[in-house]
Protein backbone atom coordinates (compact mmCIF):
# COMPACT_ATOMS: atom_id res chain seq x y z
CA MET A 1 12.86 -27.55 -0.70
CA SER A 2 13.44 -24.50 1.70
CA GLN A 3 11.24 -23.03 3.83
CA ALA A 4 10.11 -19.28 3.04
CA SER A 5 11.20 -16.74 4.96
CA LYS A 6 10.08 -13.24 5.57
CA GLY A 7 12.57 -10.50 4.67
CA LYS A 8 14.46 -7.72 7.20
CA LEU A 9 10.94 -6.02 6.72
CA ASN A 10 7.78 -7.03 6.16
CA TYR A 11 6.55 -5.78 2.87
CA ARG A 12 2.88 -5.65 1.80
CA CYS A 13 2.02 -7.42 -1.43
CA PRO A 14 1.05 -4.32 -3.59
CA ALA A 15 -1.24 -6.41 -5.73
CA CYS A 16 -3.29 -7.79 -2.67
CA PHE A 17 -3.26 -4.71 -1.23
CA MET A 18 -5.08 -3.07 -3.81
CA ARG A 19 -7.77 -5.54 -3.20
CA ASP A 20 -7.95 -4.64 0.27
CA ILE A 21 -6.07 -7.96 1.12
CA ASP A 22 -3.30 -7.18 3.99
CA MET A 23 -0.95 -10.05 2.97
CA ASP A 24 2.92 -9.91 3.88
CA MET A 25 5.41 -10.96 1.03
CA PHE A 26 8.44 -13.81 1.59
CA PHE A 27 12.23 -13.06 0.40
CA ASP A 28 13.78 -15.50 -1.63
CA PRO A 29 17.55 -15.05 -1.41
CA ASP A 30 18.61 -16.93 -4.24
CA LYS A 31 16.44 -15.02 -6.89
CA LYS A 32 17.07 -11.66 -4.54
CA GLU A 33 13.25 -11.41 -4.88
CA TYR A 34 9.92 -10.78 -3.07
CA TYR A 35 6.92 -12.81 -3.74
CA CYS A 36 3.53 -13.42 -2.48
CA LEU A 37 2.06 -16.70 -1.78
CA ARG A 38 -1.69 -15.62 -2.17
CA CYS A 39 -1.67 -13.90 -5.58
CA SER A 40 2.01 -15.21 -6.96
CA PHE A 41 3.21 -11.51 -7.49
CA ARG A 42 6.87 -11.58 -7.68
CA GLY A 43 9.00 -8.58 -7.61
CA SER A 44 12.33 -6.98 -6.83
CA GLU A 45 12.38 -4.77 -3.62
CA GLU A 46 12.76 -1.69 -5.51
CA ARG A 47 9.45 -2.70 -7.85
CA VAL A 48 7.59 -3.70 -4.45
CA LEU A 49 8.45 -0.26 -2.75
CA GLU A 50 7.60 1.52 -5.69
CA LEU A 51 4.02 -0.14 -6.05
CA ASN A 52 3.31 0.69 -2.37
CA GLU A 53 4.39 3.91 -2.55
CA GLN A 54 1.65 4.34 -5.10
CA ALA A 55 -1.13 2.92 -2.63
CA ARG A 56 0.03 5.35 -0.35
CA TYR A 57 -0.63 8.21 -2.60
CA ARG A 58 -3.92 6.68 -3.62
CA TYR A 59 -5.22 6.26 -0.01
CA LYS A 60 -3.55 9.59 1.44
CA ARG A 61 -6.55 11.33 2.15
CA LEU A 62 -8.66 8.40 3.25
CA LYS A 63 -9.00 9.74 6.76
CA MET A 64 -9.86 13.55 5.61
CA ARG A 65 -12.89 14.67 4.91
CA VAL A 66 -13.78 18.03 2.53
CA THR A 67 -15.34 20.86 4.48
CA ASP A 68 -15.36 23.34 1.71
CA PHE A 69 -15.18 22.55 -2.56
CA GLY A 70 -14.09 25.95 -2.92
CA GLU A 71 -14.58 28.03 -6.24
CA ASP A 72 -13.57 26.95 -9.99
CA ASN A 73 -10.12 26.60 -10.13
CA GLU A 74 -9.41 26.23 -6.42
CA PRO A 75 -8.04 23.24 -4.55
CA PRO A 76 -10.80 21.91 -1.65
CA VAL A 77 -10.59 22.42 1.90
CA PHE A 78 -9.78 19.40 3.78
CA ALA A 79 -10.20 18.68 7.72
CA GLU A 80 -9.07 15.91 9.73
CA HIS A 81 -12.15 13.40 10.67
CA ARG A 82 -12.70 12.90 14.08
CA ARG A 83 -14.49 9.57 15.42
CA GLY A 84 -17.89 10.09 16.07
CA GLU A 85 -18.61 13.41 14.07
CA GLN A 86 -20.92 13.18 10.90
């Protein structure tokens, strides 16, 4: 049985990442797909990139703080959070 090898780039498993677990995926050259040893997620490179992009979209404002909620139908105003500030 062949050893698992990491691909050219270390992709994070999207299923584990959604549960706040940082797990690298491995590449199977025979099947040309990435897989996770922890949760048994399998997918092509395109599928992995698509799901990781969804995670980036979901957490893009993680380090931002709302400074003003604005009036109705106005978007909120965000500011970069600085460490040590309340």
